N, C-alpha and C. Protein backbone atom coordinates (compact mmCIF):
# COMPACT_ATOMS: atom_id res chain seq x y z
N MET A 1 104.66 122.71 105.04
CA MET A 1 105.95 122.88 104.42
C MET A 1 107.05 123.02 105.47
N ILE A 2 106.76 123.70 106.56
CA ILE A 2 107.75 123.86 107.62
C ILE A 2 108.03 122.52 108.29
N LYS A 3 106.99 121.69 108.45
CA LYS A 3 107.18 120.38 109.05
C LYS A 3 108.09 119.52 108.18
N PHE A 4 107.91 119.62 106.85
CA PHE A 4 108.77 118.84 105.95
C PHE A 4 110.21 119.33 106.04
N ALA A 5 110.42 120.64 106.10
CA ALA A 5 111.78 121.19 106.21
C ALA A 5 112.43 120.76 107.52
N LEU A 6 111.67 120.78 108.61
CA LEU A 6 112.22 120.31 109.88
C LEU A 6 112.54 118.83 109.85
N LYS A 7 111.69 118.06 109.17
CA LYS A 7 111.95 116.62 109.05
C LYS A 7 113.20 116.36 108.22
N VAL A 8 113.43 117.17 107.20
CA VAL A 8 114.64 117.04 106.39
C VAL A 8 115.87 117.32 107.24
N VAL A 9 115.81 118.32 108.10
CA VAL A 9 116.94 118.64 108.98
C VAL A 9 117.19 117.49 109.96
N ILE A 10 116.11 116.89 110.48
CA ILE A 10 116.25 115.76 111.40
C ILE A 10 116.84 114.56 110.68
N LEU A 11 116.38 114.30 109.44
CA LEU A 11 116.94 113.20 108.66
C LEU A 11 118.40 113.45 108.32
N ALA A 12 118.75 114.70 108.04
CA ALA A 12 120.16 115.03 107.77
C ALA A 12 121.03 114.75 108.99
N ALA A 13 120.51 115.10 110.17
CA ALA A 13 121.26 114.80 111.40
C ALA A 13 121.39 113.29 111.60
N ALA A 14 120.34 112.55 111.25
CA ALA A 14 120.41 111.08 111.36
C ALA A 14 121.45 110.51 110.40
N PHE A 15 121.50 111.03 109.18
CA PHE A 15 122.53 110.58 108.23
C PHE A 15 123.92 110.92 108.74
N PHE A 16 124.09 112.09 109.34
CA PHE A 16 125.39 112.48 109.89
C PHE A 16 125.83 111.51 110.98
N VAL A 17 124.94 111.22 111.92
CA VAL A 17 125.28 110.33 113.03
C VAL A 17 125.52 108.91 112.52
N MET A 18 124.69 108.45 111.58
CA MET A 18 124.87 107.08 111.07
C MET A 18 126.18 106.92 110.33
N SER A 19 126.55 107.92 109.51
CA SER A 19 127.76 107.77 108.71
C SER A 19 129.02 107.95 109.55
N LYS A 20 128.96 108.77 110.58
CA LYS A 20 130.14 109.03 111.39
C LYS A 20 130.36 108.01 112.51
N TYR A 21 129.27 107.58 113.16
CA TYR A 21 129.42 106.83 114.40
C TYR A 21 128.77 105.45 114.41
N VAL A 22 127.71 105.23 113.65
CA VAL A 22 126.92 104.01 113.83
C VAL A 22 127.24 102.95 112.79
N LEU A 23 127.13 103.27 111.52
CA LEU A 23 127.27 102.28 110.46
C LEU A 23 128.58 102.49 109.70
N ASP A 24 129.36 101.42 109.61
CA ASP A 24 130.61 101.49 108.86
C ASP A 24 130.38 101.41 107.36
N GLY A 25 129.31 100.73 106.94
CA GLY A 25 129.05 100.53 105.52
C GLY A 25 128.33 101.69 104.86
N LEU A 26 127.91 102.67 105.62
CA LEU A 26 127.21 103.83 105.06
C LEU A 26 128.20 104.99 105.05
N THR A 27 128.61 105.40 103.86
CA THR A 27 129.59 106.47 103.75
C THR A 27 128.99 107.64 102.97
N VAL A 28 129.34 108.82 103.42
CA VAL A 28 128.91 110.05 102.76
C VAL A 28 130.15 110.78 102.30
N GLU A 29 130.19 111.10 101.02
CA GLU A 29 131.30 111.88 100.47
C GLU A 29 130.97 113.36 100.69
N GLU A 30 131.61 113.93 101.67
CA GLU A 30 131.32 115.31 102.06
C GLU A 30 131.88 116.29 101.05
N ASN A 31 131.22 117.43 100.93
CA ASN A 31 131.64 118.48 100.01
C ASN A 31 131.90 119.76 100.79
N PRO A 32 133.13 119.94 101.28
CA PRO A 32 133.41 121.14 102.08
C PRO A 32 133.34 122.44 101.26
N GLY A 33 133.45 122.35 99.95
CA GLY A 33 133.41 123.54 99.11
C GLY A 33 132.01 123.92 98.68
N GLY A 34 131.02 123.19 99.14
CA GLY A 34 129.64 123.47 98.76
C GLY A 34 129.09 124.72 99.43
N PRO A 35 127.89 125.11 99.04
CA PRO A 35 127.30 126.34 99.59
C PRO A 35 127.14 126.33 101.11
N LEU A 36 126.76 125.22 101.68
CA LEU A 36 126.59 125.14 103.13
C LEU A 36 127.69 124.33 103.80
N GLY A 37 128.74 124.06 103.07
CA GLY A 37 129.85 123.31 103.63
C GLY A 37 129.52 121.82 103.74
N ILE A 38 130.14 121.20 104.72
CA ILE A 38 129.96 119.77 104.92
C ILE A 38 128.50 119.45 105.26
N TYR A 39 127.87 120.28 106.05
CA TYR A 39 126.51 120.00 106.49
C TYR A 39 125.50 120.13 105.36
N GLY A 40 125.84 120.88 104.33
CA GLY A 40 124.97 120.98 103.16
C GLY A 40 124.82 119.65 102.45
N THR A 41 125.89 118.85 102.47
CA THR A 41 125.82 117.52 101.88
C THR A 41 124.79 116.67 102.61
N TYR A 42 124.81 116.71 103.92
CA TYR A 42 123.85 115.92 104.69
C TYR A 42 122.43 116.45 104.52
N LEU A 43 122.28 117.77 104.41
CA LEU A 43 120.95 118.33 104.14
C LEU A 43 120.43 117.89 102.78
N TRP A 44 121.32 117.84 101.80
CA TRP A 44 120.95 117.40 100.46
C TRP A 44 120.50 115.94 100.49
N ILE A 45 121.25 115.09 101.16
CA ILE A 45 120.89 113.67 101.24
C ILE A 45 119.59 113.50 102.02
N GLY A 46 119.41 114.27 103.09
CA GLY A 46 118.15 114.22 103.84
C GLY A 46 116.97 114.66 103.00
N LEU A 47 117.16 115.68 102.15
CA LEU A 47 116.11 116.15 101.26
C LEU A 47 115.75 115.09 100.23
N ILE A 48 116.76 114.48 99.65
CA ILE A 48 116.49 113.44 98.65
C ILE A 48 115.77 112.26 99.29
N PHE A 49 116.22 111.84 100.48
CA PHE A 49 115.55 110.73 101.14
C PHE A 49 114.11 111.10 101.51
N GLY A 50 113.89 112.32 101.95
CA GLY A 50 112.54 112.76 102.29
C GLY A 50 111.63 112.75 101.09
N VAL A 51 112.11 113.21 99.94
CA VAL A 51 111.30 113.22 98.73
C VAL A 51 111.04 111.80 98.24
N VAL A 52 112.05 110.96 98.26
CA VAL A 52 111.88 109.56 97.84
C VAL A 52 110.89 108.86 98.77
N ASN A 53 111.01 109.11 100.06
CA ASN A 53 110.11 108.50 101.03
C ASN A 53 108.68 109.00 100.86
N ALA A 54 108.52 110.27 100.48
CA ALA A 54 107.18 110.84 100.32
C ALA A 54 106.52 110.43 99.01
N ILE A 55 107.31 110.19 97.95
CA ILE A 55 106.73 109.88 96.65
C ILE A 55 106.72 108.38 96.37
N VAL A 56 107.86 107.74 96.49
CA VAL A 56 107.97 106.32 96.14
C VAL A 56 107.51 105.43 97.29
N GLY A 57 107.70 105.88 98.52
CA GLY A 57 107.37 105.07 99.69
C GLY A 57 105.93 104.59 99.74
N PRO A 58 104.95 105.48 99.59
CA PRO A 58 103.55 105.01 99.63
C PRO A 58 103.21 104.02 98.51
N VAL A 59 103.80 104.21 97.34
CA VAL A 59 103.54 103.29 96.23
C VAL A 59 104.09 101.91 96.55
N LEU A 60 105.32 101.86 97.07
CA LEU A 60 105.90 100.56 97.44
C LEU A 60 105.13 99.90 98.58
N ARG A 61 104.69 100.68 99.54
CA ARG A 61 103.92 100.12 100.66
C ARG A 61 102.59 99.57 100.19
N LEU A 62 101.95 100.25 99.25
CA LEU A 62 100.67 99.78 98.73
C LEU A 62 100.84 98.52 97.89
N LEU A 63 101.86 98.50 97.05
CA LEU A 63 102.08 97.33 96.20
C LEU A 63 102.52 96.10 97.00
N SER A 64 103.18 96.31 98.11
CA SER A 64 103.66 95.18 98.91
C SER A 64 102.75 94.88 100.10
N LEU A 65 101.55 95.39 100.09
CA LEU A 65 100.64 95.22 101.22
C LEU A 65 100.39 93.74 101.58
N PRO A 66 100.25 92.83 100.61
CA PRO A 66 100.09 91.42 101.01
C PRO A 66 101.29 90.87 101.78
N PHE A 67 102.49 91.26 101.37
CA PHE A 67 103.69 90.80 102.08
C PHE A 67 103.79 91.42 103.47
N VAL A 68 103.37 92.67 103.59
CA VAL A 68 103.39 93.34 104.89
C VAL A 68 102.43 92.66 105.85
N VAL A 69 101.25 92.32 105.35
CA VAL A 69 100.27 91.63 106.20
C VAL A 69 100.76 90.23 106.54
N LEU A 70 101.31 89.54 105.57
CA LEU A 70 101.79 88.17 105.78
C LEU A 70 102.93 88.11 106.79
N THR A 71 103.81 89.10 106.78
CA THR A 71 104.96 89.09 107.69
C THR A 71 104.72 89.94 108.94
N LEU A 72 103.49 90.37 109.13
CA LEU A 72 103.10 91.17 110.30
C LEU A 72 103.90 92.47 110.38
N GLY A 73 104.18 93.06 109.24
CA GLY A 73 104.84 94.36 109.20
C GLY A 73 106.34 94.33 109.04
N LEU A 74 106.96 93.16 109.12
CA LEU A 74 108.42 93.11 109.01
C LEU A 74 108.91 93.43 107.60
N PHE A 75 108.04 93.27 106.61
CA PHE A 75 108.44 93.58 105.24
C PHE A 75 108.67 95.09 105.06
N LEU A 76 108.13 95.89 105.96
CA LEU A 76 108.37 97.34 105.89
C LEU A 76 109.84 97.67 106.08
N LEU A 77 110.58 96.82 106.78
CA LEU A 77 112.03 97.01 106.91
C LEU A 77 112.72 96.86 105.55
N ILE A 78 112.25 95.92 104.75
CA ILE A 78 112.80 95.73 103.41
C ILE A 78 112.50 96.95 102.54
N ILE A 79 111.29 97.48 102.68
CA ILE A 79 110.91 98.66 101.90
C ILE A 79 111.78 99.85 102.30
N ASN A 80 112.02 100.05 103.59
CA ASN A 80 112.89 101.14 104.04
C ASN A 80 114.31 100.96 103.54
N ALA A 81 114.79 99.73 103.51
CA ALA A 81 116.12 99.46 102.96
C ALA A 81 116.16 99.78 101.47
N ALA A 82 115.08 99.47 100.76
CA ALA A 82 115.02 99.77 99.33
C ALA A 82 114.98 101.28 99.10
N LEU A 83 114.27 102.01 99.95
CA LEU A 83 114.23 103.48 99.82
C LEU A 83 115.60 104.09 100.08
N LEU A 84 116.33 103.54 101.04
CA LEU A 84 117.69 104.01 101.30
C LEU A 84 118.60 103.70 100.12
N GLY A 85 118.46 102.51 99.55
CA GLY A 85 119.24 102.15 98.37
C GLY A 85 118.91 103.02 97.17
N LEU A 86 117.64 103.35 97.01
CA LEU A 86 117.23 104.23 95.92
C LEU A 86 117.81 105.63 96.10
N THR A 87 117.86 106.08 97.33
CA THR A 87 118.49 107.38 97.62
C THR A 87 119.97 107.34 97.27
N ALA A 88 120.63 106.24 97.58
CA ALA A 88 122.05 106.10 97.24
C ALA A 88 122.26 106.05 95.73
N LEU A 89 121.27 105.51 94.99
CA LEU A 89 121.39 105.50 93.53
C LEU A 89 121.19 106.88 92.93
N ILE A 90 120.34 107.68 93.55
CA ILE A 90 120.03 109.01 93.01
C ILE A 90 121.20 109.96 93.21
N THR A 91 121.79 109.95 94.40
CA THR A 91 122.88 110.88 94.68
C THR A 91 124.22 110.14 94.66
N ASP A 92 125.23 110.84 94.20
CA ASP A 92 126.57 110.23 94.17
C ASP A 92 127.34 110.49 95.46
N ARG A 93 126.75 111.18 96.40
CA ARG A 93 127.40 111.49 97.67
C ARG A 93 127.18 110.43 98.74
N LEU A 94 126.25 109.50 98.52
CA LEU A 94 125.91 108.48 99.51
C LEU A 94 126.22 107.10 98.94
N ASP A 95 126.92 106.28 99.74
CA ASP A 95 127.23 104.91 99.36
C ASP A 95 126.77 103.97 100.46
N VAL A 96 126.04 102.92 100.06
CA VAL A 96 125.61 101.88 100.98
C VAL A 96 126.28 100.59 100.52
N ASP A 97 127.05 99.96 101.43
CA ASP A 97 127.87 98.82 101.03
C ASP A 97 127.10 97.54 100.75
N GLY A 98 126.08 97.24 101.51
CA GLY A 98 125.38 95.99 101.28
C GLY A 98 123.97 96.02 101.82
N PHE A 99 123.30 94.87 101.69
CA PHE A 99 121.91 94.79 102.11
C PHE A 99 121.78 94.91 103.63
N GLY A 100 122.71 94.35 104.37
CA GLY A 100 122.66 94.44 105.83
C GLY A 100 122.77 95.87 106.31
N THR A 101 123.67 96.61 105.68
CA THR A 101 123.81 98.02 106.03
C THR A 101 122.56 98.80 105.67
N ALA A 102 121.99 98.50 104.50
CA ALA A 102 120.76 99.18 104.09
C ALA A 102 119.60 98.82 105.01
N LEU A 103 119.54 97.58 105.46
CA LEU A 103 118.47 97.15 106.35
C LEU A 103 118.58 97.85 107.70
N LEU A 104 119.78 97.89 108.27
CA LEU A 104 119.97 98.56 109.55
C LEU A 104 119.79 100.07 109.42
N GLY A 105 120.28 100.65 108.33
CA GLY A 105 120.08 102.07 108.09
C GLY A 105 118.62 102.42 107.88
N GLY A 106 117.89 101.56 107.17
CA GLY A 106 116.46 101.77 106.98
C GLY A 106 115.70 101.69 108.29
N LEU A 107 116.11 100.77 109.16
CA LEU A 107 115.48 100.65 110.47
C LEU A 107 115.71 101.92 111.30
N ILE A 108 116.94 102.40 111.31
CA ILE A 108 117.26 103.61 112.07
C ILE A 108 116.50 104.81 111.50
N LEU A 109 116.46 104.93 110.18
CA LEU A 109 115.76 106.06 109.57
C LEU A 109 114.25 105.97 109.80
N ALA A 110 113.71 104.77 109.85
CA ALA A 110 112.28 104.62 110.15
C ALA A 110 111.99 105.06 111.58
N LEU A 111 112.85 104.68 112.52
CA LEU A 111 112.66 105.10 113.91
C LEU A 111 112.82 106.61 114.07
N VAL A 112 113.81 107.17 113.39
CA VAL A 112 114.02 108.62 113.46
C VAL A 112 112.86 109.36 112.81
N GLY A 113 112.39 108.86 111.67
CA GLY A 113 111.25 109.48 111.00
C GLY A 113 109.99 109.42 111.84
N TRP A 114 109.77 108.27 112.51
CA TRP A 114 108.61 108.14 113.39
C TRP A 114 108.70 109.13 114.56
N ALA A 115 109.89 109.21 115.16
CA ALA A 115 110.08 110.14 116.27
C ALA A 115 109.90 111.59 115.81
N ALA A 116 110.38 111.90 114.62
CA ALA A 116 110.21 113.25 114.08
C ALA A 116 108.74 113.55 113.85
N ASP A 117 108.00 112.59 113.32
CA ASP A 117 106.56 112.80 113.11
C ASP A 117 105.84 113.01 114.44
N GLN A 118 106.22 112.24 115.46
CA GLN A 118 105.59 112.40 116.77
C GLN A 118 105.91 113.77 117.36
N LEU A 119 107.13 114.22 117.19
CA LEU A 119 107.54 115.52 117.73
C LEU A 119 106.89 116.67 116.98
N LEU A 120 106.81 116.57 115.67
CA LEU A 120 106.31 117.66 114.86
C LEU A 120 104.79 117.75 114.83
N ASP A 121 104.11 116.69 115.20
CA ASP A 121 102.64 116.72 115.21
C ASP A 121 102.09 117.39 116.45
N ARG A 122 102.90 117.67 117.41
CA ARG A 122 102.42 118.30 118.66
C ARG A 122 102.32 119.76 118.54
């Protein structure tokens, strides 16, 4: 449970950096009046993405296994983009402008998630 909470914090930091500095098409509507202020919004989005990735992600990866094998794993980028889009549909605080933004955001989140898993497994 602590590893999941730490991963949510890392994902929230990734969303903060992506929306502020990296991706123009990924916007977060911040809520300064919320319980944790502006950073609570990013924690909320990180939590939603973590839950979506933990529940829907394995199902999508299993169902698309032939495409993943056929494309030598590149189809996983499409799945990560779909998970980011699904997160944007669930919360009204996150907006993703297009497929290119979702694809690049999914790639960044996959790398950050992998790095977080490597760090937290030690």
